[in-house]
Amino acid sequence: MGLALDEPKENDATFEHGGIKFLLDNNLSNQCGVIKVDFIEAGPRSGFGISSAKPLGGGGGSCGSSCGSGGGGSCGC
Protein backbone atom coordinates (compact mmCIF):
# COMPACT_ATOMS: atom_id res chain seq x y z
CA MET A 1 0.00 0.00 0.00
CA GLY A 2 1.07 3.57 -0.45
CA LEU A 3 -0.12 7.15 -0.42
CA ALA A 4 -0.81 9.16 -3.56
CA LEU A 5 -2.61 12.30 -4.63
CA ASP A 6 -5.68 11.28 -6.60
CA GLU A 7 -9.15 12.35 -7.65
CA PRO A 8 -12.19 10.42 -6.34
CA LYS A 9 -13.30 7.51 -8.49
CA GLU A 10 -16.70 5.82 -8.65
CA ASN A 11 -15.50 2.85 -6.57
CA ASP A 12 -13.79 4.92 -3.82
CA ALA A 13 -14.92 5.38 -0.24
CA THR A 14 -14.14 8.85 1.15
CA PHE A 15 -13.06 9.50 4.73
CA GLU A 16 -12.06 12.76 6.37
CA HIS A 17 -9.92 13.08 9.49
CA GLY A 18 -8.26 16.20 10.87
CA GLY A 19 -9.26 18.19 7.80
CA ILE A 20 -7.58 15.71 5.43
CA LYS A 21 -9.67 13.75 2.94
CA PHE A 22 -8.66 10.14 2.27
CA LEU A 23 -9.86 8.01 -0.64
CA LEU A 24 -9.85 4.24 -0.44
CA ASP A 25 -10.78 1.84 -3.21
CA ASN A 26 -13.68 -0.28 -1.94
CA ASN A 27 -12.06 -3.47 -3.27
CA LEU A 28 -8.88 -2.74 -1.30
CA SER A 29 -10.95 -1.98 1.78
CA ASN A 30 -12.62 -5.38 1.53
CA GLN A 31 -9.21 -7.09 1.24
CA CYS A 32 -7.37 -5.37 4.09
CA GLY A 33 -10.00 -4.14 6.54
CA VAL A 34 -9.21 -1.17 8.77
CA ILE A 35 -6.26 0.91 7.56
CA LYS A 36 -4.12 3.06 9.85
CA VAL A 37 -1.93 5.93 8.60
CA ASP A 38 0.72 7.24 11.03
CA PHE A 39 3.50 9.79 10.76
CA ILE A 40 6.71 8.27 12.09
CA GLU A 41 9.37 10.63 13.48
CA ALA A 42 12.76 9.16 12.59
CA GLY A 43 15.01 12.10 11.77
CA PRO A 44 15.87 12.18 8.07
CA ARG A 45 13.89 8.95 7.56
CA SER A 46 10.63 10.42 8.92
CA GLY A 47 7.52 9.70 6.91
CA PHE A 48 4.18 8.00 6.77
CA GLY A 49 3.58 4.39 7.73
CA ILE A 50 0.52 2.46 6.59
CA SER A 51 -0.78 -0.69 8.22
CA SER A 52 -3.95 -2.72 7.86
CA ALA A 53 -5.97 -5.15 9.96
CA LYS A 54 -5.38 -7.87 7.35
CA PRO A 55 -1.89 -7.32 5.89
CA LEU A 56 -1.57 -7.81 2.15
CA GLY A 57 1.15 -10.06 0.75
CA GLY A 58 3.95 -8.80 -1.44
CA GLY A 59 5.72 -6.42 0.93
CA GLY A 60 6.53 -2.88 -0.09
CA GLY A 61 7.40 0.40 1.50
CA SER A 62 5.29 2.90 3.31
CA CYS A 63 5.45 5.33 0.44
CA GLY A 64 6.22 5.09 -3.24
CA SER A 65 3.38 3.38 -5.02
CA SER A 66 -0.24 4.27 -5.41
CA CYS A 67 -2.97 2.30 -3.75
CA GLY A 68 -5.52 4.57 -5.42
CA SER A 69 -8.01 3.23 -7.88
CA GLY A 70 -6.04 3.37 -11.08
CA GLY A 71 -4.25 6.65 -11.03
CA GLY A 72 -1.79 8.98 -9.48
CA GLY A 73 1.87 8.42 -8.94
CA SER A 74 3.93 8.05 -5.88
CA CYS A 75 3.59 10.56 -3.10
CA GLY A 76 7.12 11.78 -3.72
CA CYS A 77 8.81 10.51 -0.56
C-alpha atoms as a PDB file:
ATOM      1  CA  MET A   1       0.000   0.000   0.000  1.00  0.00           C
ATOM      2  CA  GLY A   2       1.066   3.574  -0.446  1.00  0.00           C
ATOM      3  CA  LEU A   3      -0.117   7.152  -0.420  1.00  0.00           C
ATOM      4  CA  ALA A   4      -0.809   9.163  -3.561  1.00  0.00           C
ATOM      5  CA  LEU A   5      -2.611  12.297  -4.629  1.00  0.00           C
ATOM      6  CA  ASP A   6      -5.682  11.277  -6.601  1.00  0.00           C
ATOM      7  CA  GLU A   7      -9.150  12.349  -7.646  1.00  0.00           C
ATOM      8  CA  PRO A   8     -12.188  10.425  -6.343  1.00  0.00           C
ATOM      9  CA  LYS A   9     -13.300   7.505  -8.485  1.00  0.00           C
ATOM     10  CA  GLU A  10     -16.701   5.818  -8.648  1.00  0.00           C
ATOM     11  CA  ASN A  11     -15.501   2.855  -6.571  1.00  0.00           C
ATOM     12  CA  ASP A  12     -13.793   4.921  -3.818  1.00  0.00           C
ATOM     13  CA  ALA A  13     -14.915   5.376  -0.243  1.00  0.00           C
ATOM     14  CA  THR A  14     -14.136   8.848   1.155  1.00  0.00           C
ATOM     15  CA  PHE A  15     -13.061   9.500   4.732  1.00  0.00           C
ATOM     16  CA  GLU A  16     -12.063  12.763   6.372  1.00  0.00           C
ATOM     17  CA  HIS A  17      -9.922  13.082   9.489  1.00  0.00           C
ATOM     18  CA  GLY A  18      -8.259  16.197  10.866  1.00  0.00           C
ATOM     19  CA  GLY A  19      -9.265  18.192   7.797  1.00  0.00           C
ATOM     20  CA  ILE A  20      -7.585  15.714   5.429  1.00  0.00           C
ATOM     21  CA  LYS A  21      -9.668  13.751   2.942  1.00  0.00           C
ATOM     22  CA  PHE A  22      -8.663  10.139   2.267  1.00  0.00           C
ATOM     23  CA  LEU A  23      -9.856   8.008  -0.641  1.00  0.00           C
ATOM     24  CA  LEU A  24      -9.847   4.238  -0.438  1.00  0.00           C
ATOM     25  CA  ASP A  25     -10.780   1.845  -3.215  1.00  0.00           C
ATOM     26  CA  ASN A  26     -13.681  -0.276  -1.940  1.00  0.00           C
ATOM     27  CA  ASN A  27     -12.058  -3.474  -3.265  1.00  0.00           C
ATOM     28  CA  LEU A  28      -8.884  -2.742  -1.298  1.00  0.00           C
ATOM     29  CA  SER A  29     -10.954  -1.976   1.777  1.00  0.00           C
ATOM     30  CA  ASN A  30     -12.623  -5.385   1.526  1.00  0.00           C
ATOM     31  CA  GLN A  31      -9.208  -7.087   1.241  1.00  0.00           C
ATOM     32  CA  CYS A  32      -7.373  -5.372   4.092  1.00  0.00           C
ATOM     33  CA  GLY A  33     -10.000  -4.142   6.541  1.00  0.00           C
ATOM     34  CA  VAL A  34      -9.212  -1.174   8.774  1.00  0.00           C
ATOM     35  CA  ILE A  35      -6.261   0.909   7.557  1.00  0.00           C
ATOM     36  CA  LYS A  36      -4.119   3.056   9.855  1.00  0.00           C
ATOM     37  CA  VAL A  37      -1.926   5.929   8.601  1.00  0.00           C
ATOM     38  CA  ASP A  38       0.723   7.242  11.030  1.00  0.00           C
ATOM     39  CA  PHE A  39       3.496   9.786  10.756  1.00  0.00           C
ATOM     40  CA  ILE A  40       6.709   8.271  12.095  1.00  0.00           C
ATOM     41  CA  GLU A  41       9.367  10.630  13.484  1.00  0.00           C
ATOM     42  CA  ALA A  42      12.763   9.156  12.586  1.00  0.00           C
ATOM     43  CA  GLY A  43      15.009  12.103  11.774  1.00  0.00           C
ATOM     44  CA  PRO A  44      15.872  12.176   8.066  1.00  0.00           C
ATOM     45  CA  ARG A  45      13.893   8.946   7.560  1.00  0.00           C
ATOM     46  CA  SER A  46      10.626  10.417   8.923  1.00  0.00           C
ATOM     47  CA  GLY A  47       7.523   9.699   6.915  1.00  0.00           C
ATOM     48  CA  PHE A  48       4.178   8.005   6.768  1.00  0.00           C
ATOM     49  CA  GLY A  49       3.579   4.394   7.727  1.00  0.00           C
ATOM     50  CA  ILE A  50       0.525   2.464   6.594  1.00  0.00           C
ATOM     51  CA  SER A  51      -0.780  -0.687   8.223  1.00  0.00           C
ATOM     52  CA  SER A  52      -3.954  -2.716   7.858  1.00  0.00           C
ATOM     53  CA  ALA A  53      -5.971  -5.149   9.958  1.00  0.00           C
ATOM     54  CA  LYS A  54      -5.380  -7.870   7.354  1.00  0.00           C
ATOM     55  CA  PRO A  55      -1.894  -7.320   5.886  1.00  0.00           C
ATOM     56  CA  LEU A  56      -1.570  -7.814   2.149  1.00  0.00           C
ATOM     57  CA  GLY A  57       1.150 -10.056   0.746  1.00  0.00           C
ATOM     58  CA  GLY A  58       3.946  -8.796  -1.441  1.00  0.00           C
ATOM     59  CA  GLY A  59       5.723  -6.416   0.928  1.00  0.00           C
ATOM     60  CA  GLY A  60       6.535  -2.883  -0.093  1.00  0.00           C
ATOM     61  CA  GLY A  61       7.400   0.403   1.495  1.00  0.00           C
ATOM     62  CA  SER A  62       5.292   2.898   3.310  1.00  0.00           C
ATOM     63  CA  CYS A  63       5.450   5.328   0.435  1.00  0.00           C
ATOM     64  CA  GLY A  64       6.218   5.093  -3.245  1.00  0.00           C
ATOM     65  CA  SER A  65       3.381   3.378  -5.018  1.00  0.00           C
ATOM     66  CA  SER A  66      -0.239   4.271  -5.413  1.00  0.00           C
ATOM     67  CA  CYS A  67      -2.967   2.296  -3.753  1.00  0.00           C
ATOM     68  CA  GLY A  68      -5.516   4.570  -5.419  1.00  0.00           C
ATOM     69  CA  SER A  69      -8.008   3.233  -7.880  1.00  0.00           C
ATOM     70  CA  GLY A  70      -6.042   3.371 -11.085  1.00  0.00           C
ATOM     71  CA  GLY A  71      -4.248   6.654 -11.032  1.00  0.00           C
ATOM     72  CA  GLY A  72      -1.786   8.984  -9.481  1.00  0.00           C
ATOM     73  CA  GLY A  73       1.866   8.418  -8.945  1.00  0.00           C
ATOM     74  CA  SER A  74       3.929   8.048  -5.877  1.00  0.00           C
ATOM     75  CA  CYS A  75       3.594  10.555  -3.103  1.00  0.00           C
ATOM     76  CA  GLY A  76       7.120  11.776  -3.725  1.00  0.00           C
ATOM     77  CA  CYS A  77       8.813  10.507  -0.562  1.00  0.00           C
END
